Amino acid sequence: MNEKEKTHFGFKEVDKDAKAGMVADVFHSVASRYDLMNDLMSAGIHRIWKRFTVELSGVRKGNAVLDIAGGTGDLAARFAEIVGPAGSVVLADINDSMLQVGRDKLLDHGLLDNLEFVQADAQYLPFADDSFDCITIAFGLRNVTDKDRALRSMLRVLKPGGRLLVLEFSKPLNPLLSKAYDAYSFKVLPVMGRLVANDSDSYQYLAESIRVHPDQETLKDMMEDAGFSRCEYHNMTGGVVALHKGVKA
């Protein structure tokens, strides 16, 4: 009998078919405090990173947009305003707790007219070929079990000429910044998670998952291997975060 395939869950090695459930448990746990923790962890800078993502997306009125791992809806809300009544935005997330928090938040903002909510796995997107003008995934790719499969799935549902934007934690460019970032991630974040969300383990996992995520050049190569063209990336906050962009030829 063949041994089960392994993958990373943070620094741990786990069975590939077990990872999705373990990640789901993390996000069920943090969903209700997700927005608050994002603001605290990044001192609000995540809003600037997301604003740049929207600006680089080139999304305009009438477009169809898919926001994968859309969570609490920060990007989807902005895209819904931009595409207007003639356009459409799908907020997709594999985690029903996150999806519910996002739906409730956007309902409070009166933003449901051109928005659809779909529980979906990035590796097996349940949409027709050539459906979207733009796909975004913000701080979600590192949690996907098979990133190559997910990238190919995204390429399939993009229209020719459509754009993928991947906003994700990456590798700091400066060794001193990297050292400070490690200290913050492994000493401060779990404590903050315990105090604010009553959950230090989930934030320990999130810190570890960043460290095992591909660096800037590796992710760019993965996008090219999946079939994207004109791939590029922009480092932000010294490489703590990078925004990758690719186009479907």
C-alpha atoms as a PDB file:
ATOM      1  CA  MET A   1       0.000   0.000   0.000  1.00  0.00           C
ATOM      2  CA  ASN A   2       1.309   3.458  -0.928  1.00  0.00           C
ATOM      3  CA  GLU A   3       1.893   5.925   1.871  1.00  0.00           C
ATOM      4  CA  LYS A   4      -0.430   8.910   1.861  1.00  0.00           C
ATOM      5  CA  GLU A   5       0.915  12.046   0.200  1.00  0.00           C
ATOM      6  CA  LYS A   6       2.154  14.675   2.633  1.00  0.00           C
ATOM      7  CA  THR A   7       1.929  18.445   2.698  1.00  0.00           C
ATOM      8  CA  HIS A   8       2.616  21.287   5.127  1.00  0.00           C
ATOM      9  CA  PHE A   9       0.203  22.550   7.742  1.00  0.00           C
ATOM     10  CA  GLY A  10       2.367  25.347   9.090  1.00  0.00           C
ATOM     11  CA  PHE A  11       5.626  23.658  10.062  1.00  0.00           C
ATOM     12  CA  LYS A  12       3.968  20.270  10.559  1.00  0.00           C
ATOM     13  CA  GLU A  13       3.863  17.599   7.888  1.00  0.00           C
ATOM     14  CA  VAL A  14       0.347  16.179   7.533  1.00  0.00           C
ATOM     15  CA  ASP A  15      -1.581  13.914   5.161  1.00  0.00           C
ATOM     16  CA  LYS A  16      -2.554  15.877   2.071  1.00  0.00           C
ATOM     17  CA  ASP A  17      -6.210  14.891   2.389  1.00  0.00           C
ATOM     18  CA  ALA A  18      -6.309  16.115   6.007  1.00  0.00           C
ATOM     19  CA  LYS A  19      -5.060  19.668   5.444  1.00  0.00           C
ATOM     20  CA  ALA A  20      -8.307  21.222   4.184  1.00  0.00           C
ATOM     21  CA  GLY A  21     -10.170  20.163   7.318  1.00  0.00           C
ATOM     22  CA  MET A  22      -7.406  21.472   9.566  1.00  0.00           C
ATOM     23  CA  VAL A  23      -7.364  24.833   7.774  1.00  0.00           C
ATOM     24  CA  ALA A  24     -11.171  24.928   8.021  1.00  0.00           C
ATOM     25  CA  ASP A  25     -10.938  24.537  11.792  1.00  0.00           C
ATOM     26  CA  VAL A  26      -8.553  27.509  11.970  1.00  0.00           C
ATOM     27  CA  PHE A  27     -10.912  29.806  10.091  1.00  0.00           C
ATOM     28  CA  HIS A  28     -14.041  28.594  11.876  1.00  0.00           C
ATOM     29  CA  SER A  29     -12.213  29.609  15.042  1.00  0.00           C
ATOM     30  CA  VAL A  30     -11.074  33.070  13.922  1.00  0.00           C
ATOM     31  CA  ALA A  31     -13.990  34.151  11.682  1.00  0.00           C
ATOM     32  CA  SER A  32     -15.832  36.325  14.206  1.00  0.00           C
ATOM     33  CA  ARG A  33     -12.695  38.322  15.120  1.00  0.00           C
ATOM     34  CA  TYR A  34     -11.012  38.186  11.705  1.00  0.00           C
ATOM     35  CA  ASP A  35     -11.408  41.856  10.740  1.00  0.00           C
ATOM     36  CA  LEU A  36     -10.387  43.117  14.177  1.00  0.00           C
ATOM     37  CA  MET A  37      -7.291  40.888  14.196  1.00  0.00           C
ATOM     38  CA  ASN A  38      -6.334  42.017  10.669  1.00  0.00           C
ATOM     39  CA  ASP A  39      -6.389  45.643  11.793  1.00  0.00           C
ATOM     40  CA  LEU A  40      -4.406  44.887  14.939  1.00  0.00           C
ATOM     41  CA  MET A  41      -1.848  42.591  13.290  1.00  0.00           C
ATOM     42  CA  SER A  42      -1.041  44.948  10.420  1.00  0.00           C
ATOM     43  CA  ALA A  43      -1.757  48.259  12.202  1.00  0.00           C
ATOM     44  CA  GLY A  44      -4.333  48.827   9.459  1.00  0.00           C
ATOM     45  CA  ILE A  45      -1.784  48.552   6.636  1.00  0.00           C
ATOM     46  CA  HIS A  46      -3.705  45.634   5.077  1.00  0.00           C
ATOM     47  CA  ARG A  47      -6.166  48.237   3.797  1.00  0.00           C
ATOM     48  CA  ILE A  48      -3.385  49.915   1.778  1.00  0.00           C
ATOM     49  CA  TRP A  49      -2.260  46.550   0.366  1.00  0.00           C
ATOM     50  CA  LYS A  50      -5.836  45.785  -0.713  1.00  0.00           C
ATOM     51  CA  ARG A  51      -6.346  49.265  -2.183  1.00  0.00           C
ATOM     52  CA  PHE A  52      -3.254  48.761  -4.360  1.00  0.00           C
ATOM     53  CA  THR A  53      -4.633  45.373  -5.457  1.00  0.00           C
ATOM     54  CA  VAL A  54      -7.870  47.001  -6.592  1.00  0.00           C
ATOM     55  CA  GLU A  55      -5.963  49.735  -8.449  1.00  0.00           C
ATOM     56  CA  LEU A  56      -3.747  47.211 -10.264  1.00  0.00           C
ATOM     57  CA  SER A  57      -6.701  44.978 -11.167  1.00  0.00           C
ATOM     58  CA  GLY A  58      -7.940  47.270 -13.919  1.00  0.00           C
ATOM     59  CA  VAL A  59     -11.524  46.286 -13.038  1.00  0.00           C
ATOM     60  CA  ARG A  60     -14.139  48.597 -14.573  1.00  0.00           C
ATOM     61  CA  LYS A  61     -17.906  48.937 -14.976  1.00  0.00           C
ATOM     62  CA  GLY A  62     -19.646  45.838 -16.300  1.00  0.00           C
ATOM     63  CA  ASN A  63     -16.828  43.411 -15.431  1.00  0.00           C
ATOM     64  CA  ALA A  64     -17.280  40.005 -13.833  1.00  0.00           C
ATOM     65  CA  VAL A  65     -14.966  39.531 -10.836  1.00  0.00           C
ATOM     66  CA  LEU A  66     -14.213  36.490  -8.687  1.00  0.00           C
ATOM     67  CA  ASP A  67     -12.698  37.048  -5.243  1.00  0.00           C
ATOM     68  CA  ILE A  68     -11.407  33.686  -3.975  1.00  0.00           C
ATOM     69  CA  ALA A  69     -10.870  33.158  -0.249  1.00  0.00           C
ATOM     70  CA  GLY A  70     -12.793  36.433  -0.059  1.00  0.00           C
ATOM     71  CA  GLY A  71     -13.489  35.981   3.629  1.00  0.00           C
ATOM     72  CA  THR A  72     -15.101  39.026   5.146  1.00  0.00           C
ATOM     73  CA  GLY A  73     -15.468  40.810   1.824  1.00  0.00           C
ATOM     74  CA  ASP A  74     -13.039  43.757   1.816  1.00  0.00           C
ATOM     75  CA  LEU A  75     -12.091  43.344  -1.860  1.00  0.00           C
ATOM     76  CA  ALA A  76     -15.517  42.133  -2.990  1.00  0.00           C
ATOM     77  CA  ALA A  77     -17.176  45.233  -1.530  1.00  0.00           C
ATOM     78  CA  ARG A  78     -14.907  47.573  -3.454  1.00  0.00           C
ATOM     79  CA  PHE A  79     -15.261  45.605  -6.689  1.00  0.00           C
ATOM     80  CA  ALA A  80     -19.060  45.597  -6.340  1.00  0.00           C
ATOM     81  CA  GLU A  81     -18.998  49.399  -6.247  1.00  0.00           C
ATOM     82  CA  ILE A  82     -16.700  49.617  -9.283  1.00  0.00           C
ATOM     83  CA  VAL A  83     -18.457  47.142 -11.620  1.00  0.00           C
ATOM     84  CA  GLY A  84     -21.875  48.631 -10.916  1.00  0.00           C
ATOM     85  CA  PRO A  85     -25.281  47.139 -11.761  1.00  0.00           C
ATOM     86  CA  ALA A  86     -24.093  45.863 -15.155  1.00  0.00           C
ATOM     87  CA  GLY A  87     -21.272  43.876 -13.563  1.00  0.00           C
ATOM     88  CA  SER A  88     -21.088  41.036 -11.084  1.00  0.00           C
ATOM     89  CA  VAL A  89     -18.868  39.967  -8.203  1.00  0.00           C
ATOM     90  CA  VAL A  90     -18.620  36.467  -6.746  1.00  0.00           C
ATOM     91  CA  LEU A  91     -17.210  36.209  -3.241  1.00  0.00           C
ATOM     92  CA  ALA A  92     -15.993  32.616  -2.887  1.00  0.00           C
ATOM     93  CA  ASP A  93     -14.590  30.981   0.218  1.00  0.00           C
ATOM     94  CA  ILE A  94     -14.140  27.350   1.202  1.00  0.00           C
ATOM     95  CA  ASN A  95     -15.079  28.176   4.783  1.00  0.00           C
ATOM     96  CA  ASP A  96     -18.771  28.688   5.525  1.00  0.00           C
ATOM     97  CA  SER A  97     -18.078  30.602   8.762  1.00  0.00           C
ATOM     98  CA  MET A  98     -15.987  33.186   6.913  1.00  0.00           C
ATOM     99  CA  LEU A  99     -18.552  33.354   4.116  1.00  0.00           C
ATOM    100  CA  GLN A 100     -21.355  34.054   6.607  1.00  0.00           C
ATOM    101  CA  VAL A 101     -19.353  36.811   8.321  1.00  0.00           C
ATOM    102  CA  GLY A 102     -18.642  38.376   4.918  1.00  0.00           C
ATOM    103  CA  ARG A 103     -22.256  38.163   3.819  1.00  0.00           C
ATOM    104  CA  ASP A 104     -23.520  39.736   7.044  1.00  0.00           C
ATOM    105  CA  LYS A 105     -20.986  42.565   6.773  1.00  0.00           C
ATOM    106  CA  LEU A 106     -21.822  43.378   3.156  1.00  0.00           C
ATOM    107  CA  LEU A 107     -25.539  43.153   3.886  1.00  0.00           C
ATOM    108  CA  ASP A 108     -25.031  45.793   6.583  1.00  0.00           C
ATOM    109  CA  HIS A 109     -23.377  47.985   3.930  1.00  0.00           C
ATOM    110  CA  GLY A 110     -26.241  47.451   1.451  1.00  0.00           C
ATOM    111  CA  LEU A 111     -23.956  45.830  -1.102  1.00  0.00           C
ATOM    112  CA  LEU A 112     -25.736  42.648  -2.177  1.00  0.00           C
ATOM    113  CA  ASP A 113     -27.380  43.679  -5.472  1.00  0.00           C
ATOM    114  CA  ASN A 114     -24.544  42.546  -7.756  1.00  0.00           C
ATOM    115  CA  LEU A 115     -22.843  40.176  -5.301  1.00  0.00           C
ATOM    116  CA  GLU A 116     -23.066  36.393  -5.122  1.00  0.00           C
ATOM    117  CA  PHE A 117     -21.666  34.195  -2.336  1.00  0.00           C
ATOM    118  CA  VAL A 118     -20.352  30.748  -3.219  1.00  0.00           C
ATOM    119  CA  GLN A 119     -18.715  28.157  -0.974  1.00  0.00           C
ATOM    120  CA  ALA A 120     -15.955  26.839  -3.204  1.00  0.00           C
ATOM    121  CA  ASP A 121     -12.547  25.170  -3.142  1.00  0.00           C
ATOM    122  CA  ALA A 122      -9.926  27.133  -5.107  1.00  0.00           C
ATOM    123  CA  GLN A 123      -8.577  23.848  -6.492  1.00  0.00           C
ATOM    124  CA  TYR A 124     -11.919  22.908  -8.072  1.00  0.00           C
ATOM    125  CA  LEU A 125     -13.716  26.127  -8.942  1.00  0.00           C
ATOM    126  CA  PRO A 126     -17.382  25.425  -9.812  1.00  0.00           C
ATOM    127  CA  PHE A 127     -17.596  27.932 -12.662  1.00  0.00           C
ATOM    128  CA  ALA A 128     -17.667  27.645 -16.438  1.00  0.00           C
ATOM    129  CA  ASP A 129     -14.557  28.214 -18.540  1.00  0.00           C
ATOM    130  CA  ASP A 130     -13.842  31.836 -19.492  1.00  0.00           C
ATOM    131  CA  SER A 131     -16.265  33.338 -16.922  1.00  0.00           C
ATOM    132  CA  PHE A 132     -14.372  36.210 -15.269  1.00  0.00           C
ATOM    133  CA  ASP A 133     -12.515  39.355 -16.293  1.00  0.00           C
ATOM    134  CA  CYS A 134     -10.522  39.377 -13.063  1.00  0.00           C
ATOM    135  CA  ILE A 135      -9.773  36.985 -10.200  1.00  0.00           C
ATOM    136  CA  THR A 136      -8.263  38.010  -6.882  1.00  0.00           C
ATOM    137  CA  ILE A 137      -7.088  35.908  -3.966  1.00  0.00           C
ATOM    138  CA  ALA A 138      -5.850  37.810  -0.922  1.00  0.00           C
ATOM    139  CA  PHE A 139      -4.025  36.003   1.879  1.00  0.00           C
ATOM    140  CA  GLY A 140      -5.611  32.724   0.846  1.00  0.00           C
ATOM    141  CA  LEU A 141      -3.265  30.907  -1.532  1.00  0.00           C
ATOM    142  CA  ARG A 142      -0.891  29.811   1.216  1.00  0.00           C
ATOM    143  CA  ASN A 143      -3.735  27.862   2.848  1.00  0.00           C
ATOM    144  CA  VAL A 144      -4.546  25.885  -0.324  1.00  0.00           C
ATOM    145  CA  THR A 145      -3.339  22.274  -0.304  1.00  0.00           C
ATOM    146  CA  ASP A 146      -2.347  22.060  -3.995  1.00  0.00           C
ATOM    147  CA  LYS A 147      -1.414  25.546  -5.147  1.00  0.00           C
ATOM    148  CA  ASP A 148      -0.518  24.436  -8.693  1.00  0.00           C
ATOM    149  CA  ARG A 149      -3.940  22.857  -9.156  1.00  0.00           C
ATOM    150  CA  ALA A 150      -5.610  26.008  -7.802  1.00  0.00           C
ATOM    151  CA  LEU A 151      -3.684  28.252 -10.202  1.00  0.00           C
ATOM    152  CA  ARG A 152      -4.713  26.073 -13.150  1.00  0.00           C
ATOM    153  CA  SER A 153      -8.315  26.184 -11.953  1.00  0.00           C
ATOM    154  CA  MET A 154      -8.165  29.990 -11.820  1.00  0.00           C
ATOM    155  CA  LEU A 155      -6.690  30.140 -15.326  1.00  0.00           C
ATOM    156  CA  ARG A 156      -9.518  27.971 -16.671  1.00  0.00           C
ATOM    157  CA  VAL A 157     -12.315  30.236 -15.408  1.00  0.00           C
ATOM    158  CA  LEU A 158     -10.644  33.471 -16.510  1.00  0.00           C
ATOM    159  CA  LYS A 159     -11.620  34.997 -19.825  1.00  0.00           C
ATOM    160  CA  PRO A 160      -8.814  35.420 -22.393  1.00  0.00           C
ATOM    161  CA  GLY A 161      -7.095  38.668 -21.447  1.00  0.00           C
ATOM    162  CA  GLY A 162      -8.371  38.297 -17.888  1.00  0.00           C
ATOM    163  CA  ARG A 163      -6.131  39.041 -14.919  1.00  0.00           C
ATOM    164  CA  LEU A 164      -5.238  37.121 -11.768  1.00  0.00           C
ATOM    165  CA  LEU A 165      -3.965  39.021  -8.738  1.00  0.00           C
ATOM    166  CA  VAL A 166      -2.479  37.124  -5.799  1.00  0.00           C
ATOM    167  CA  LEU A 167      -1.940  39.225  -2.662  1.00  0.00           C
ATOM    168  CA  GLU A 168       0.026  37.239  -0.135  1.00  0.00           C
ATOM    169  CA  PHE A 169       2.594  37.422   2.620  1.00  0.00           C
ATOM    170  CA  SER A 170       6.043  36.845   1.181  1.00  0.00           C
ATOM    171  CA  LYS A 171       9.744  37.072   2.013  1.00  0.00           C
ATOM    172  CA  PRO A 172      11.156  40.348   3.449  1.00  0.00           C
ATOM    173  CA  LEU A 173      14.023  41.725   1.371  1.00  0.00           C
ATOM    174  CA  ASN A 174      16.125  43.037   4.249  1.00  0.00           C
ATOM    175  CA  PRO A 175      17.708  40.580   6.739  1.00  0.00           C
ATOM    176  CA  LEU A 176      17.094  42.939   9.683  1.00  0.00           C
ATOM    177  CA  LEU A 177      13.443  43.363   8.705  1.00  0.00           C
ATOM    178  CA  SER A 178      13.187  39.595   8.327  1.00  0.00           C
ATOM    179  CA  LYS A 179      14.533  39.063  11.838  1.00  0.00           C
ATOM    180  CA  ALA A 180      12.164  41.632  13.346  1.00  0.00           C
ATOM    181  CA  TYR A 181       9.257  40.160  11.385  1.00  0.00           C
ATOM    182  CA  ASP A 182      10.033  36.666  12.693  1.00  0.00           C
ATOM    183  CA  ALA A 183      10.128  37.921  16.268  1.00  0.00           C
ATOM    184  CA  TYR A 184       6.798  39.696  15.800  1.00  0.00           C
ATOM    185  CA  SER A 185       5.160  36.704  14.069  1.00  0.00           C
ATOM    186  CA  PHE A 186       6.172  34.043  16.563  1.00  0.00           C
ATOM    187  CA  LYS A 187       6.205  35.993  19.817  1.00  0.00           C
ATOM    188  CA  VAL A 188       3.567  38.714  19.456  1.00  0.00           C
ATOM    189  CA  LEU A 189       0.935  37.247  17.100  1.00  0.00           C
ATOM    190  CA  PRO A 190       0.050  34.124  19.120  1.00  0.00           C
ATOM    191  CA  VAL A 191      -0.237  36.237  22.285  1.00  0.00           C
ATOM    192  CA  MET A 192      -2.428  38.756  20.456  1.00  0.00           C
ATOM    193  CA  GLY A 193      -4.538  35.868  19.141  1.00  0.00           C
ATOM    194  CA  ARG A 194      -4.977  34.515  22.661  1.00  0.00           C
ATOM    195  CA  LEU A 195      -5.915  37.894  24.156  1.00  0.00           C
ATOM    196  CA  VAL A 196      -8.232  39.132  21.386  1.00  0.00           C
ATOM    197  CA  ALA A 197      -9.612  35.976  19.759  1.00  0.00           C
ATOM    198  CA  ASN A 198      -8.994  33.500  22.590  1.00  0.00           C
ATOM    199  CA  ASP A 199      -7.029  31.380  20.123  1.00  0.00           C
ATOM    200  CA  SER A 200      -3.220  31.377  20.078  1.00  0.00           C
ATOM    201  CA  ASP A 201      -2.858  28.100  18.120  1.00  0.00           C
ATOM    202  CA  SER A 202      -4.587  29.414  15.001  1.00  0.00           C
ATOM    203  CA  TYR A 203      -2.342  32.467  14.870  1.00  0.00           C
ATOM    204  CA  GLN A 204       0.709  30.283  15.445  1.00  0.00           C
ATOM    205  CA  TYR A 205      -0.386  28.288  12.369  1.00  0.00           C
ATOM    206  CA  LEU A 206      -0.938  31.453  10.336  1.00  0.00           C
ATOM    207  CA  ALA A 207       2.589  32.655  11.170  1.00  0.00           C
ATOM    208  CA  GLU A 208       4.063  29.267  10.239  1.00  0.00           C
ATOM    209  CA  SER A 209       2.057  29.072   7.013  1.00  0.00           C
ATOM    210  CA  ILE A 210       3.638  32.328   5.858  1.00  0.00           C
ATOM    211  CA  ARG A 211       7.137  30.883   6.316  1.00  0.00           C
ATOM    212  CA  VAL A 212       6.481  27.795   4.183  1.00  0.00           C
ATOM    213  CA  HIS A 213       4.723  29.748   1.407  1.00  0.00           C
ATOM    214  CA  PRO A 214       6.744  30.137  -1.833  1.00  0.00           C
ATOM    215  CA  ASP A 215       8.852  33.275  -2.114  1.00  0.00           C
ATOM    216  CA  GLN A 216       8.280  35.957  -4.741  1.00  0.00           C
ATOM    217  CA  GLU A 217      10.237  34.404  -7.612  1.00  0.00           C
ATOM    218  CA  THR A 218       8.988  30.876  -6.895  1.00  0.00           C
ATOM    219  CA  LEU A 219       5.349  31.970  -6.973  1.00  0.00           C
ATOM    220  CA  LYS A 220       5.958  33.886 -10.202  1.00  0.00           C
ATOM    221  CA  ASP A 221       7.426  30.701 -11.724  1.00  0.00           C
ATOM    222  CA  MET A 222       4.429  28.686 -10.496  1.00  0.00           C
ATOM    223  CA  MET A 223       2.030  31.115 -12.190  1.00  0.00           C
ATOM    224  CA  GLU A 224       3.966  30.866 -15.432  1.00  0.00           C
ATOM    225  CA  ASP A 225       4.007  27.064 -15.205  1.00  0.00           C
ATOM    226  CA  ALA A 226       0.227  27.112 -14.710  1.00  0.00           C
ATOM    227  CA  GLY A 227      -0.104  28.972 -18.027  1.00  0.00           C
ATOM    228  CA  PHE A 228      -0.252  32.649 -17.068  1.00  0.00           C
ATOM    229  CA  SER A 229       1.637  35.188 -19.165  1.00  0.00           C
ATOM    230  CA  ARG A 230       3.120  38.630 -18.411  1.00  0.00           C
ATOM    231  CA  CYS A 231       3.645  37.599 -14.793  1.00  0.00           C
ATOM    232  CA  GLU A 232       5.091  40.205 -12.447  1.00  0.00           C
ATOM    233  CA  TYR A 233       5.062  41.086  -8.780  1.00  0.00           C
ATOM    234  CA  HIS A 234       5.244  44.176  -6.616  1.00  0.00           C
ATOM    235  CA  ASN A 235       6.801  44.063  -3.161  1.00  0.00           C
ATOM    236  CA  MET A 236       5.097  46.063  -0.434  1.00  0.00           C
ATOM    237  CA  THR A 237       6.258  46.897   3.089  1.00  0.00           C
ATOM    238  CA  GLY A 238       9.765  45.684   2.268  1.00  0.00           C
ATOM    239  CA  GLY A 239       8.609  42.358   0.847  1.00  0.00           C
ATOM    240  CA  VAL A 240       6.527  41.379   3.871  1.00  0.00           C
ATOM    241  CA  VAL A 241       3.700  41.261   1.310  1.00  0.00           C
ATOM    242  CA  ALA A 242       3.859  40.826  -2.457  1.00  0.00           C
ATOM    243  CA  LEU A 243       1.194  41.323  -5.107  1.00  0.00           C
ATOM    244  CA  HIS A 244       1.585  38.961  -8.082  1.00  0.00           C
ATOM    245  CA  LYS A 245      -0.214  39.573 -11.357  1.00  0.00           C
ATOM    246  CA  GLY A 246      -0.665  37.274 -14.340  1.00  0.00           C
ATOM    247  CA  VAL A 247      -2.760  37.404 -17.530  1.00  0.00           C
ATOM    248  CA  LYS A 248      -4.575  34.673 -19.433  1.00  0.00           C
ATOM    249  CA  ALA A 249      -3.351  34.860 -23.012  1.00  0.00           C
END
